[in-house]
Amino acid sequence: MTKRPGRGGWLAILACAGLCGCDKPDPDPPAPPVDTTIPEPRPATITGELSYPSDYIPEDMRVCAEDVTSRKRNCDARFTTRNGRRLYTLTVLPGSYRVYAETRDMTDYKAYYSEAVVCGLSVDCVSHEPITLKLSAGENRGKVHPQDWYARN
């Protein structure tokens, strides 16, 4: 016959028998959670110069980029003045946009960056078709001047 262990003896027997897992190697630690978030694409930047058919540029003028697919507008342009020229910078997500300027001085009117602007805004420029910019992540597009105040909207 075997002797019954005294008080606390069962724990010692269990530990020694490996039932507590003390003599087994540690299992692999659990894998860290998988990050399933989709990173935002790097934005694109549009820059250009403003103009207005007068001897001033209205203080309330704003520049917007309108997504040609969703029709969502981004009008959060930042403005600076350098050498007497009024410049803007607009940050957008990658996509296709048409850029325009507007002011309350010409209600319900948009001056687009158009084929006439690229042509030089002379009387010989017959097309006032807005230009669609296709922007990639991280792209910087300059010389986008929304200055076609002569087109009919």
N, C-alpha and C. Protein backbone atom coordinates (compact mmCIF):
# COMPACT_ATOMS: atom_id res chain seq x y z
N MET A 1 0.83 -1.18 0.00
CA MET A 1 0.00 0.00 0.00
C MET A 1 0.87 1.24 0.00
N THR A 2 0.31 2.22 -0.61
CA THR A 2 1.06 3.47 -0.65
C THR A 2 0.53 4.41 0.40
N LYS A 3 1.41 5.20 0.82
CA LYS A 3 1.06 6.16 1.85
C LYS A 3 0.43 7.38 1.20
N ARG A 4 -0.60 7.89 1.79
CA ARG A 4 -1.24 9.11 1.29
C ARG A 4 -0.41 10.31 1.63
N PRO A 5 -0.21 11.16 0.67
CA PRO A 5 0.56 12.36 0.98
C PRO A 5 -0.17 13.25 1.97
N GLY A 6 0.59 13.96 2.70
CA GLY A 6 0.01 14.87 3.68
C GLY A 6 -0.49 16.14 3.01
N ARG A 7 -0.81 17.04 3.85
CA ARG A 7 -1.33 18.32 3.42
C ARG A 7 -0.39 18.97 2.40
N GLY A 8 -0.90 19.33 1.21
CA GLY A 8 -0.10 19.97 0.18
C GLY A 8 0.68 18.99 -0.67
N GLY A 9 0.62 17.73 -0.34
CA GLY A 9 1.38 16.73 -1.07
C GLY A 9 0.85 16.49 -2.45
N TRP A 10 -0.44 16.59 -2.63
CA TRP A 10 -1.02 16.36 -3.96
C TRP A 10 -0.49 17.37 -4.98
N LEU A 11 -0.34 18.61 -4.56
CA LEU A 11 0.18 19.61 -5.47
C LEU A 11 1.60 19.27 -5.90
N ALA A 12 2.37 18.80 -4.98
CA ALA A 12 3.74 18.45 -5.31
C ALA A 12 3.76 17.28 -6.29
N ILE A 13 2.88 16.33 -6.08
CA ILE A 13 2.82 15.17 -6.97
C ILE A 13 2.36 15.62 -8.36
N LEU A 14 1.34 16.48 -8.42
CA LEU A 14 0.85 16.96 -9.70
C LEU A 14 1.93 17.74 -10.44
N ALA A 15 2.64 18.58 -9.72
CA ALA A 15 3.69 19.37 -10.34
C ALA A 15 4.78 18.47 -10.88
N CYS A 16 5.12 17.47 -10.12
CA CYS A 16 6.18 16.58 -10.55
C CYS A 16 5.73 15.69 -11.70
N ALA A 17 4.46 15.42 -11.79
CA ALA A 17 3.96 14.56 -12.85
C ALA A 17 3.84 15.32 -14.17
N GLY A 18 4.10 16.62 -14.15
CA GLY A 18 4.03 17.42 -15.37
C GLY A 18 2.63 17.85 -15.73
N LEU A 19 1.70 17.65 -14.83
CA LEU A 19 0.32 18.03 -15.13
C LEU A 19 0.11 19.54 -15.10
N CYS A 20 1.02 20.24 -14.53
CA CYS A 20 0.92 21.70 -14.51
C CYS A 20 1.63 22.32 -15.70
N GLY A 21 2.27 21.52 -16.51
CA GLY A 21 2.95 22.04 -17.68
C GLY A 21 4.31 22.64 -17.37
N CYS A 22 4.83 22.38 -16.17
CA CYS A 22 6.10 23.00 -15.79
C CYS A 22 7.29 22.41 -16.54
N ASP A 23 7.20 21.18 -16.95
CA ASP A 23 8.36 20.58 -17.60
C ASP A 23 8.24 20.57 -19.12
N LYS A 24 7.21 21.22 -19.68
CA LYS A 24 7.03 21.30 -21.13
C LYS A 24 7.53 22.65 -21.62
N PRO A 25 8.07 22.68 -22.82
CA PRO A 25 8.49 24.00 -23.35
C PRO A 25 7.27 24.88 -23.57
N ASP A 26 7.49 26.18 -23.47
CA ASP A 26 6.40 27.13 -23.70
C ASP A 26 5.93 27.03 -25.14
N PRO A 27 4.62 27.02 -25.35
CA PRO A 27 4.13 27.02 -26.74
C PRO A 27 4.48 28.36 -27.39
N ASP A 28 4.40 28.40 -28.72
CA ASP A 28 4.66 29.65 -29.42
C ASP A 28 3.73 30.73 -28.91
N PRO A 29 4.26 31.94 -28.72
CA PRO A 29 3.38 33.02 -28.26
C PRO A 29 2.34 33.31 -29.33
N PRO A 30 1.20 33.83 -28.93
CA PRO A 30 0.16 34.14 -29.93
C PRO A 30 0.67 35.19 -30.91
N ALA A 31 0.24 35.06 -32.14
CA ALA A 31 0.65 36.01 -33.18
C ALA A 31 0.03 37.37 -32.88
N PRO A 32 0.75 38.44 -33.19
CA PRO A 32 0.16 39.77 -32.98
C PRO A 32 -1.02 39.95 -33.92
N PRO A 33 -1.94 40.82 -33.56
CA PRO A 33 -3.11 41.04 -34.43
C PRO A 33 -2.66 41.59 -35.79
N VAL A 34 -3.39 41.21 -36.81
CA VAL A 34 -3.10 41.65 -38.16
C VAL A 34 -3.75 43.02 -38.39
N ASP A 35 -2.96 43.96 -38.89
CA ASP A 35 -3.47 45.30 -39.18
C ASP A 35 -4.25 45.24 -40.49
N THR A 36 -5.56 45.43 -40.42
CA THR A 36 -6.41 45.34 -41.61
C THR A 36 -6.80 46.72 -42.14
N THR A 37 -6.24 47.77 -41.54
CA THR A 37 -6.58 49.10 -42.03
C THR A 37 -5.89 49.34 -43.38
N ILE A 38 -6.57 50.04 -44.24
CA ILE A 38 -6.02 50.38 -45.54
C ILE A 38 -5.43 51.78 -45.42
N PRO A 39 -4.14 51.92 -45.67
CA PRO A 39 -3.55 53.25 -45.52
C PRO A 39 -4.11 54.22 -46.55
N GLU A 40 -4.28 55.46 -46.12
CA GLU A 40 -4.73 56.50 -47.04
C GLU A 40 -3.65 56.72 -48.09
N PRO A 41 -4.04 56.90 -49.34
CA PRO A 41 -3.01 57.19 -50.34
C PRO A 41 -2.38 58.55 -50.07
N ARG A 42 -1.14 58.69 -50.48
CA ARG A 42 -0.47 59.99 -50.33
C ARG A 42 -1.21 61.00 -51.19
N PRO A 43 -1.42 62.18 -50.67
CA PRO A 43 -2.15 63.19 -51.44
C PRO A 43 -1.31 63.73 -52.60
N ALA A 44 -1.98 64.40 -53.50
CA ALA A 44 -1.35 65.11 -54.61
C ALA A 44 -1.49 66.60 -54.32
N THR A 45 -0.65 67.40 -54.96
CA THR A 45 -0.68 68.84 -54.75
C THR A 45 -0.84 69.56 -56.08
N ILE A 46 -1.72 70.55 -56.09
CA ILE A 46 -1.96 71.39 -57.27
C ILE A 46 -1.56 72.81 -56.88
N THR A 47 -0.78 73.47 -57.75
CA THR A 47 -0.40 74.86 -57.49
C THR A 47 -0.61 75.69 -58.75
N GLY A 48 -0.81 76.98 -58.54
CA GLY A 48 -0.98 77.87 -59.68
C GLY A 48 -1.11 79.31 -59.25
N GLU A 49 -1.40 80.15 -60.22
CA GLU A 49 -1.51 81.58 -60.01
C GLU A 49 -2.93 82.04 -60.33
N LEU A 50 -3.41 83.01 -59.57
CA LEU A 50 -4.75 83.56 -59.77
C LEU A 50 -4.69 84.81 -60.64
N SER A 51 -5.80 85.07 -61.29
CA SER A 51 -5.96 86.33 -62.02
C SER A 51 -7.43 86.71 -61.96
N TYR A 52 -7.71 87.93 -62.37
CA TYR A 52 -9.10 88.42 -62.39
C TYR A 52 -9.16 89.54 -63.43
N PRO A 53 -10.24 89.63 -64.17
CA PRO A 53 -10.30 90.66 -65.23
C PRO A 53 -10.56 92.06 -64.67
N SER A 54 -9.63 92.52 -63.86
CA SER A 54 -9.71 93.85 -63.27
C SER A 54 -8.30 94.21 -62.79
N ASP A 55 -8.20 95.30 -62.03
CA ASP A 55 -6.88 95.69 -61.52
C ASP A 55 -6.64 95.15 -60.11
N TYR A 56 -7.48 94.22 -59.67
CA TYR A 56 -7.33 93.62 -58.34
C TYR A 56 -7.81 92.17 -58.41
N ILE A 57 -7.47 91.42 -57.38
CA ILE A 57 -8.00 90.06 -57.21
C ILE A 57 -8.88 90.10 -55.96
N PRO A 58 -10.14 89.74 -56.09
CA PRO A 58 -11.06 89.81 -54.93
C PRO A 58 -10.53 89.01 -53.74
N GLU A 59 -10.69 89.58 -52.57
CA GLU A 59 -10.23 88.93 -51.34
C GLU A 59 -10.95 87.61 -51.07
N ASP A 60 -12.19 87.49 -51.53
CA ASP A 60 -12.96 86.28 -51.23
C ASP A 60 -12.77 85.18 -52.28
N MET A 61 -11.85 85.39 -53.24
CA MET A 61 -11.66 84.38 -54.28
C MET A 61 -11.19 83.07 -53.64
N ARG A 62 -11.77 82.00 -54.13
CA ARG A 62 -11.33 80.69 -53.66
C ARG A 62 -11.09 79.79 -54.86
N VAL A 63 -10.26 78.79 -54.66
CA VAL A 63 -9.92 77.83 -55.70
C VAL A 63 -10.43 76.47 -55.26
N CYS A 64 -11.08 75.77 -56.18
CA CYS A 64 -11.65 74.45 -55.87
C CYS A 64 -11.20 73.43 -56.91
N ALA A 65 -11.08 72.20 -56.47
CA ALA A 65 -10.86 71.06 -57.37
C ALA A 65 -12.09 70.18 -57.23
N GLU A 66 -12.75 69.90 -58.36
CA GLU A 66 -13.95 69.07 -58.34
C GLU A 66 -13.62 67.72 -58.96
N ASP A 67 -13.87 66.66 -58.19
CA ASP A 67 -13.64 65.30 -58.68
C ASP A 67 -14.64 65.03 -59.81
N VAL A 68 -14.16 64.62 -60.97
CA VAL A 68 -15.03 64.45 -62.13
C VAL A 68 -15.97 63.26 -61.98
N THR A 69 -15.64 62.31 -61.12
CA THR A 69 -16.50 61.14 -60.92
C THR A 69 -17.54 61.38 -59.83
N SER A 70 -17.08 61.75 -58.65
CA SER A 70 -17.99 61.88 -57.50
C SER A 70 -18.63 63.26 -57.41
N ARG A 71 -18.07 64.25 -58.10
CA ARG A 71 -18.52 65.65 -58.07
C ARG A 71 -18.22 66.32 -56.72
N LYS A 72 -17.47 65.65 -55.84
CA LYS A 72 -17.09 66.26 -54.56
C LYS A 72 -16.09 67.36 -54.84
N ARG A 73 -16.22 68.45 -54.07
CA ARG A 73 -15.33 69.59 -54.25
C ARG A 73 -14.41 69.74 -53.05
N ASN A 74 -13.18 70.13 -53.33
CA ASN A 74 -12.22 70.48 -52.30
C ASN A 74 -11.84 71.93 -52.55
N CYS A 75 -12.22 72.80 -51.63
CA CYS A 75 -11.96 74.24 -51.78
C CYS A 75 -11.07 74.75 -50.65
N ASP A 76 -10.18 73.90 -50.15
CA ASP A 76 -9.32 74.24 -49.02
C ASP A 76 -7.95 74.75 -49.45
N ALA A 77 -7.90 75.56 -50.47
CA ALA A 77 -6.63 76.08 -50.98
C ALA A 77 -6.01 77.05 -49.98
N ARG A 78 -4.67 77.01 -49.94
CA ARG A 78 -3.90 77.98 -49.15
C ARG A 78 -3.33 79.00 -50.14
N PHE A 79 -3.31 80.27 -49.72
CA PHE A 79 -2.89 81.34 -50.61
C PHE A 79 -1.63 82.01 -50.08
N THR A 80 -0.79 82.45 -51.01
CA THR A 80 0.39 83.24 -50.69
C THR A 80 0.51 84.32 -51.77
N THR A 81 1.30 85.33 -51.46
CA THR A 81 1.61 86.37 -52.44
C THR A 81 3.12 86.45 -52.57
N ARG A 82 3.60 86.41 -53.81
CA ARG A 82 5.04 86.47 -54.07
C ARG A 82 5.26 87.35 -55.30
N ASN A 83 6.11 88.36 -55.12
CA ASN A 83 6.42 89.30 -56.21
C ASN A 83 5.15 89.89 -56.83
N GLY A 84 4.18 90.21 -55.99
CA GLY A 84 2.94 90.81 -56.47
C GLY A 84 1.96 89.83 -57.10
N ARG A 85 2.29 88.55 -57.13
CA ARG A 85 1.41 87.54 -57.73
C ARG A 85 0.70 86.77 -56.62
N ARG A 86 -0.57 86.50 -56.83
CA ARG A 86 -1.36 85.72 -55.85
C ARG A 86 -1.32 84.26 -56.28
N LEU A 87 -0.77 83.40 -55.41
CA LEU A 87 -0.58 81.97 -55.70
C LEU A 87 -1.44 81.12 -54.76
N TYR A 88 -1.73 79.92 -55.19
CA TYR A 88 -2.50 79.00 -54.36
C TYR A 88 -1.83 77.62 -54.37
N THR A 89 -2.13 76.85 -53.32
CA THR A 89 -1.73 75.45 -53.21
C THR A 89 -2.95 74.69 -52.71
N LEU A 90 -3.27 73.60 -53.37
CA LEU A 90 -4.43 72.79 -53.02
C LEU A 90 -3.99 71.33 -52.93
N THR A 91 -4.31 70.68 -51.82
CA THR A 91 -3.95 69.28 -51.61
C THR A 91 -5.19 68.41 -51.80
N VAL A 92 -5.07 67.39 -52.65
CA VAL A 92 -6.21 66.52 -52.97
C VAL A 92 -5.75 65.06 -52.94
N LEU A 93 -6.71 64.16 -52.84
CA LEU A 93 -6.41 62.74 -52.97
C LEU A 93 -6.19 62.42 -54.45
N PRO A 94 -5.48 61.34 -54.75
CA PRO A 94 -5.31 60.97 -56.16
C PRO A 94 -6.67 60.84 -56.85
N GLY A 95 -6.73 61.24 -58.10
CA GLY A 95 -7.98 61.17 -58.85
C GLY A 95 -7.96 62.11 -60.03
N SER A 96 -9.14 62.32 -60.62
CA SER A 96 -9.29 63.21 -61.78
C SER A 96 -10.11 64.42 -61.37
N TYR A 97 -9.57 65.61 -61.64
CA TYR A 97 -10.18 66.85 -61.16
C TYR A 97 -10.22 67.91 -62.25
N ARG A 98 -11.19 68.82 -62.08
CA ARG A 98 -11.23 70.07 -62.82
C ARG A 98 -11.08 71.17 -61.78
N VAL A 99 -10.20 72.12 -62.07
CA VAL A 99 -9.87 73.18 -61.12
C VAL A 99 -10.47 74.50 -61.59
N TYR A 100 -11.08 75.22 -60.65
CA TYR A 100 -11.66 76.52 -60.99
C TYR A 100 -11.52 77.49 -59.82
N ALA A 101 -11.64 78.78 -60.15
CA ALA A 101 -11.68 79.84 -59.15
C ALA A 101 -13.07 80.47 -59.19
N GLU A 102 -13.49 81.02 -58.06
CA GLU A 102 -14.78 81.71 -58.00
C GLU A 102 -14.72 82.83 -56.97
N THR A 103 -15.60 83.77 -57.13
CA THR A 103 -15.70 84.91 -56.22
C THR A 103 -17.15 85.42 -56.23
N ARG A 104 -17.53 86.09 -55.16
CA ARG A 104 -18.88 86.67 -55.10
C ARG A 104 -19.01 87.86 -56.06
N ASP A 105 -17.88 88.41 -56.51
CA ASP A 105 -17.93 89.51 -57.47
C ASP A 105 -18.55 89.08 -58.80
N MET A 106 -18.47 87.78 -59.10
CA MET A 106 -19.09 87.23 -60.32
C MET A 106 -19.91 86.02 -59.88
N THR A 107 -21.10 86.29 -59.38
CA THR A 107 -21.96 85.26 -58.82
C THR A 107 -22.26 84.17 -59.84
N ASP A 108 -22.27 82.93 -59.36
CA ASP A 108 -22.59 81.75 -60.18
C ASP A 108 -21.67 81.60 -61.40
N TYR A 109 -20.42 81.99 -61.24
CA TYR A 109 -19.47 81.90 -62.33
C TYR A 109 -18.21 81.21 -61.84
N LYS A 110 -17.63 80.36 -62.70
CA LYS A 110 -16.40 79.65 -62.36
C LYS A 110 -15.37 79.89 -63.46
N ALA A 111 -14.18 80.30 -63.07
CA ALA A 111 -13.08 80.48 -64.02
C ALA A 111 -12.23 79.22 -63.97
N TYR A 112 -12.35 78.38 -64.98
CA TYR A 112 -11.65 77.09 -64.99
C TYR A 112 -10.21 77.22 -65.48
N TYR A 113 -9.43 76.25 -65.12
CA TYR A 113 -8.16 75.98 -65.79
C TYR A 113 -8.59 75.27 -67.06
N SER A 114 -8.42 75.93 -68.21
CA SER A 114 -9.01 75.43 -69.45
C SER A 114 -7.99 75.42 -70.58
N GLU A 115 -8.43 74.93 -71.73
CA GLU A 115 -7.58 74.92 -72.92
C GLU A 115 -7.22 76.35 -73.34
N ALA A 116 -8.11 77.30 -73.09
CA ALA A 116 -7.81 78.70 -73.41
C ALA A 116 -6.66 79.22 -72.56
N VAL A 117 -6.57 78.79 -71.31
CA VAL A 117 -5.48 79.22 -70.44
C VAL A 117 -4.16 78.68 -70.98
N VAL A 118 -4.12 77.42 -71.36
CA VAL A 118 -2.91 76.80 -71.91
C VAL A 118 -2.53 77.47 -73.23
N CYS A 119 -3.52 77.89 -73.98
CA CYS A 119 -3.31 78.55 -75.28
C CYS A 119 -2.77 79.98 -75.12
N GLY A 120 -2.95 80.57 -73.95
CA GLY A 120 -2.45 81.93 -73.72
C GLY A 120 -3.52 82.97 -73.51
N LEU A 121 -4.79 82.56 -73.48
CA LEU A 121 -5.94 83.46 -73.28
C LEU A 121 -6.02 84.58 -74.33
N SER A 122 -5.55 84.31 -75.53
CA SER A 122 -5.65 85.32 -76.60
C SER A 122 -6.97 85.12 -77.36
N VAL A 123 -7.29 86.05 -78.24
CA VAL A 123 -8.51 85.95 -79.03
C VAL A 123 -8.45 84.75 -79.98
N ASP A 124 -7.26 84.26 -80.25
CA ASP A 124 -7.10 83.10 -81.14
C ASP A 124 -7.42 81.78 -80.44
N CYS A 125 -7.59 81.80 -79.13
CA CYS A 125 -7.90 80.58 -78.37
C CYS A 125 -9.41 80.38 -78.41
N VAL A 126 -9.83 79.40 -79.18
CA VAL A 126 -11.27 79.22 -79.38
C VAL A 126 -11.90 78.24 -78.39
N SER A 127 -11.14 77.32 -77.82
CA SER A 127 -11.71 76.34 -76.90
C SER A 127 -11.56 76.80 -75.45
N HIS A 128 -12.67 76.78 -74.75
CA HIS A 128 -12.68 77.09 -73.33
C HIS A 128 -13.00 75.85 -72.51
N GLU A 129 -12.76 74.69 -73.08
CA GLU A 129 -13.04 73.41 -72.42
C GLU A 129 -12.16 73.26 -71.17
N PRO A 130 -12.78 72.99 -70.00
CA PRO A 130 -11.96 72.75 -68.80
C PRO A 130 -11.05 71.53 -69.00
N ILE A 131 -9.86 71.63 -68.45
CA ILE A 131 -8.89 70.53 -68.54
C ILE A 131 -9.07 69.63 -67.33
N THR A 132 -9.12 68.32 -67.57
CA THR A 132 -9.21 67.35 -66.48
C THR A 132 -7.80 66.91 -66.11
N LEU A 133 -7.44 67.12 -64.84
CA LEU A 133 -6.14 66.69 -64.33
C LEU A 133 -6.27 65.29 -63.76
N LYS A 134 -5.39 64.39 -64.17
CA LYS A 134 -5.35 63.04 -63.60
C LYS A 134 -4.13 63.00 -62.70
N LEU A 135 -4.37 62.94 -61.38
CA LEU A 135 -3.29 63.05 -60.40
C LEU A 135 -3.04 61.73 -59.69
N SER A 136 -1.77 61.38 -59.57
CA SER A 136 -1.34 60.17 -58.86
C SER A 136 -0.94 60.53 -57.44
N ALA A 137 -0.82 59.52 -56.59
CA ALA A 137 -0.39 59.72 -55.21
C ALA A 137 0.99 60.38 -55.19
N GLY A 138 1.11 61.44 -54.41
CA GLY A 138 2.38 62.13 -54.25
C GLY A 138 2.75 63.08 -55.37
N GLU A 139 1.94 63.16 -56.40
CA GLU A 139 2.25 64.02 -57.55
C GLU A 139 2.10 65.50 -57.19
N ASN A 140 2.99 66.33 -57.71
CA ASN A 140 2.90 67.78 -57.57
C ASN A 140 2.70 68.37 -58.96
N ARG A 141 1.53 68.96 -59.18
CA ARG A 141 1.22 69.53 -60.50
C ARG A 141 1.20 71.05 -60.37
N GLY A 142 2.08 71.71 -61.07
CA GLY A 142 2.18 73.15 -61.04
C GLY A 142 1.63 73.79 -62.30
N LYS A 143 1.59 75.12 -62.28
CA LYS A 143 1.11 75.93 -63.40
C LYS A 143 -0.32 75.62 -63.80
N VAL A 144 -1.14 75.30 -62.80
CA VAL A 144 -2.57 75.07 -63.03
C VAL A 144 -3.26 76.38 -62.65
N HIS A 145 -3.45 77.23 -63.65
CA HIS A 145 -3.96 78.58 -63.43
C HIS A 145 -5.45 78.64 -63.77
N PRO A 146 -6.34 78.71 -62.78
CA PRO A 146 -7.78 78.81 -63.06
C PRO A 146 -8.13 80.26 -63.43
N GLN A 147 -7.87 80.63 -64.68
CA GLN A 147 -7.95 82.03 -65.09
C GLN A 147 -8.89 82.30 -66.26
N ASP A 148 -9.67 81.31 -66.67
CA ASP A 148 -10.52 81.52 -67.85
C ASP A 148 -11.83 82.20 -67.44
N TRP A 149 -11.73 83.51 -67.20
CA TRP A 149 -12.90 84.31 -66.85
C TRP A 149 -13.72 84.68 -68.08
N TYR A 150 -13.30 84.25 -69.25
CA TYR A 150 -13.94 84.66 -70.50
C TYR A 150 -14.85 83.58 -71.08
N ALA A 151 -14.87 82.41 -70.46
CA ALA A 151 -15.74 81.32 -70.93
C ALA A 151 -17.16 81.55 -70.45
N ARG A 152 -18.08 81.04 -71.20
CA ARG A 152 -19.48 81.10 -70.78
C ARG A 152 -19.78 79.84 -69.96
N ASN A 153 -20.27 80.03 -68.75
CA ASN A 153 -20.62 78.86 -67.90
C ASN A 153 -22.06 78.52 -68.07
